[in-house]
C-alpha atoms as a PDB file:
ATOM      1  CA  MET A   1     -41.411  -7.989 -20.093  1.00  0.00           C
ATOM      2  CA  ARG A   2     -41.958 -11.513 -18.514  1.00  0.00           C
ATOM      3  CA  ALA A   3     -40.756 -12.814 -21.602  1.00  0.00           C
ATOM      4  CA  SER A   4     -37.170 -10.704 -21.611  1.00  0.00           C
ATOM      5  CA  LEU A   5     -37.015 -11.779 -17.530  1.00  0.00           C
ATOM      6  CA  ALA A   6     -37.473 -15.583 -18.368  1.00  0.00           C
ATOM      7  CA  LEU A   7     -35.136 -15.528 -21.515  1.00  0.00           C
ATOM      8  CA  ALA A   8     -32.411 -13.946 -19.202  1.00  0.00           C
ATOM      9  CA  LEU A   9     -32.959 -16.330 -16.960  1.00  0.00           C
ATOM     10  CA  VAL A  10     -32.700 -18.978 -18.805  1.00  0.00           C
ATOM     11  CA  VAL A  11     -29.356 -17.672 -19.971  1.00  0.00           C
ATOM     12  CA  LEU A  12     -28.281 -17.564 -16.480  1.00  0.00           C
ATOM     13  CA  LEU A  13     -29.292 -21.036 -15.901  1.00  0.00           C
ATOM     14  CA  LEU A  14     -27.502 -22.618 -19.256  1.00  0.00           C
ATOM     15  CA  ALA A  15     -24.833 -19.911 -18.135  1.00  0.00           C
ATOM     16  CA  GLY A  16     -23.981 -22.300 -15.009  1.00  0.00           C
ATOM     17  CA  CYS A  17     -24.287 -25.082 -16.961  1.00  0.00           C
ATOM     18  CA  ALA A  18     -21.026 -23.989 -18.309  1.00  0.00           C
ATOM     19  CA  THR A  19     -18.082 -27.212 -18.535  1.00  0.00           C
ATOM     20  CA  PRO A  20     -15.214 -25.729 -15.850  1.00  0.00           C
ATOM     21  CA  ILE A  21     -12.570 -24.085 -17.140  1.00  0.00           C
ATOM     22  CA  PRO A  22      -8.900 -26.547 -17.163  1.00  0.00           C
ATOM     23  CA  SER A  23      -6.089 -24.511 -15.096  1.00  0.00           C
ATOM     24  CA  LYS A  24      -3.596 -25.418 -12.910  1.00  0.00           C
ATOM     25  CA  ASP A  25      -4.013 -25.761  -9.354  1.00  0.00           C
ATOM     26  CA  ASP A  26      -0.844 -25.926  -7.522  1.00  0.00           C
ATOM     27  CA  PHE A  27       1.813 -23.374  -7.399  1.00  0.00           C
ATOM     28  CA  GLY A  28       4.809 -22.916  -4.599  1.00  0.00           C
ATOM     29  CA  ALA A  29       6.501 -20.782  -2.332  1.00  0.00           C
ATOM     30  CA  SER A  30      10.348 -20.687  -1.500  1.00  0.00           C
ATOM     31  CA  ALA A  31      12.614 -18.949   1.482  1.00  0.00           C
ATOM     32  CA  LEU A  32      16.213 -18.758   2.022  1.00  0.00           C
ATOM     33  CA  ILE A  33      16.835 -18.845   5.475  1.00  0.00           C
ATOM     34  CA  ALA A  34      20.170 -17.729   7.109  1.00  0.00           C
ATOM     35  CA  VAL A  35      22.076 -20.632   8.786  1.00  0.00           C
ATOM     36  CA  GLY A  36      25.423 -19.759  10.410  1.00  0.00           C
ATOM     37  CA  ASN A  37      27.938 -17.328   8.899  1.00  0.00           C
ATOM     38  CA  VAL A  38      26.306 -15.454   6.476  1.00  0.00           C
ATOM     39  CA  PRO A  39      28.048 -12.371   4.325  1.00  0.00           C
ATOM     40  CA  PRO A  40      26.303  -8.944   4.971  1.00  0.00           C
ATOM     41  CA  GLY A  41      25.032  -8.589   2.009  1.00  0.00           C
ATOM     42  CA  PHE A  42      23.522 -11.698   2.013  1.00  0.00           C
ATOM     43  CA  ALA A  43      22.248 -11.557   5.372  1.00  0.00           C
ATOM     44  CA  GLU A  44      20.362  -8.452   4.537  1.00  0.00           C
ATOM     45  CA  PHE A  45      19.155  -9.751   0.689  1.00  0.00           C
ATOM     46  CA  ASN A  46      17.559 -12.765   2.522  1.00  0.00           C
ATOM     47  CA  ARG A  47      15.590 -11.335   5.346  1.00  0.00           C
ATOM     48  CA  PHE A  48      12.739 -14.142   5.420  1.00  0.00           C
ATOM     49  CA  ASP A  49      11.346 -15.508   7.967  1.00  0.00           C
ATOM     50  CA  PRO A  50      10.098 -19.549   7.121  1.00  0.00           C
ATOM     51  CA  ALA A  51       5.884 -18.696   8.143  1.00  0.00           C
ATOM     52  CA  THR A  52       6.059 -16.328   5.158  1.00  0.00           C
ATOM     53  CA  ASN A  53       5.602 -19.284   2.888  1.00  0.00           C
ATOM     54  CA  ASP A  54       2.227 -19.955   5.011  1.00  0.00           C
ATOM     55  CA  LEU A  55       1.015 -16.596   4.618  1.00  0.00           C
ATOM     56  CA  LEU A  56       1.838 -16.612   0.595  1.00  0.00           C
ATOM     57  CA  ALA A  57      -0.326 -19.488   0.207  1.00  0.00           C
ATOM     58  CA  ASP A  58      -2.868 -18.250   2.155  1.00  0.00           C
ATOM     59  CA  GLN A  59      -2.966 -15.032   0.140  1.00  0.00           C
ATOM     60  CA  LEU A  60      -2.949 -16.426  -3.204  1.00  0.00           C
ATOM     61  CA  CYS A  61      -5.708 -18.774  -1.994  1.00  0.00           C
ATOM     62  CA  ALA A  62      -9.754 -17.672  -2.248  1.00  0.00           C
ATOM     63  CA  THR A  63      -9.881 -21.004   0.045  1.00  0.00           C
ATOM     64  CA  PRO A  64      -7.532 -22.511   2.403  1.00  0.00           C
ATOM     65  CA  PHE A  65      -4.859 -24.506   0.756  1.00  0.00           C
ATOM     66  CA  GLN A  66      -3.671 -27.773   1.453  1.00  0.00           C
ATOM     67  CA  ARG A  67       0.026 -28.948   1.809  1.00  0.00           C
ATOM     68  CA  LEU A  68       1.533 -30.946  -1.071  1.00  0.00           C
ATOM     69  CA  GLU A  69       5.038 -30.957  -0.318  1.00  0.00           C
ATOM     70  CA  GLU A  70       7.576 -29.341   2.131  1.00  0.00           C
ATOM     71  CA  ASN A  71      11.386 -29.420   1.438  1.00  0.00           C
ATOM     72  CA  ALA A  72      14.137 -28.257   3.177  1.00  0.00           C
ATOM     73  CA  LEU A  73      17.172 -28.096   0.929  1.00  0.00           C
ATOM     74  CA  GLU A  74      20.961 -27.447   1.382  1.00  0.00           C
ATOM     75  CA  ALA A  75      22.511 -23.765   0.005  1.00  0.00           C
ATOM     76  CA  THR A  76      25.048 -21.624  -0.065  1.00  0.00           C
ATOM     77  CA  PRO A  77      24.987 -19.983   2.403  1.00  0.00           C
ATOM     78  CA  GLY A  78      21.816 -21.186   4.909  1.00  0.00           C
ATOM     79  CA  ARG A  79      19.137 -22.994   4.010  1.00  0.00           C
ATOM     80  CA  PHE A  80      16.411 -23.240   1.174  1.00  0.00           C
ATOM     81  CA  GLU A  81      12.833 -23.958   1.782  1.00  0.00           C
ATOM     82  CA  GLN A  82      10.337 -25.050  -0.586  1.00  0.00           C
ATOM     83  CA  LEU A  83       6.294 -25.426  -0.258  1.00  0.00           C
ATOM     84  CA  MET A  84       3.978 -26.898  -2.616  1.00  0.00           C
ATOM     85  CA  ALA A  85       0.192 -26.546  -1.953  1.00  0.00           C
ATOM     86  CA  ARG A  86      -2.872 -26.167  -3.617  1.00  0.00           C
ATOM     87  CA  CYS A  87      -5.957 -24.376  -2.918  1.00  0.00           C
ATOM     88  CA  ARG A  88      -8.962 -26.458  -1.916  1.00  0.00           C
ATOM     89  CA  THR A  89     -11.897 -26.535  -4.679  1.00  0.00           C
ATOM     90  CA  HIS A  90     -14.471 -24.185  -3.637  1.00  0.00           C
ATOM     91  CA  VAL A  91     -17.595 -26.451  -3.198  1.00  0.00           C
ATOM     92  CA  PRO A  92     -21.082 -23.967  -4.087  1.00  0.00           C
ATOM     93  CA  LEU A  93     -23.639 -23.777  -1.931  1.00  0.00           C
ATOM     94  CA  PHE A  94     -26.103 -24.591  -4.897  1.00  0.00           C
ATOM     95  CA  GLY A  95     -25.543 -27.096  -7.997  1.00  0.00           C
ATOM     96  CA  SER A  96     -23.068 -29.172  -8.282  1.00  0.00           C
END
């Protein structure tokens, strides 16, 4: 019993030392904001609050997010806002 427990602990220790899996950690969120006279079809389809970009980024990340880039582009009709963000790296309590 003790030998199997020791073996299980060694396996868990080795699994914790595995190399990290490479991943793309940045993402984007965008919104079309109605400005001026907008046709009714566009206005109903694009009821979008610019603060929703922050909400989407907050929901995608388990850790707080960092803003990388925020753009406001002209669009017809309205304005197109884009947020590029990255989730902050998780720092474990123990280990490296």
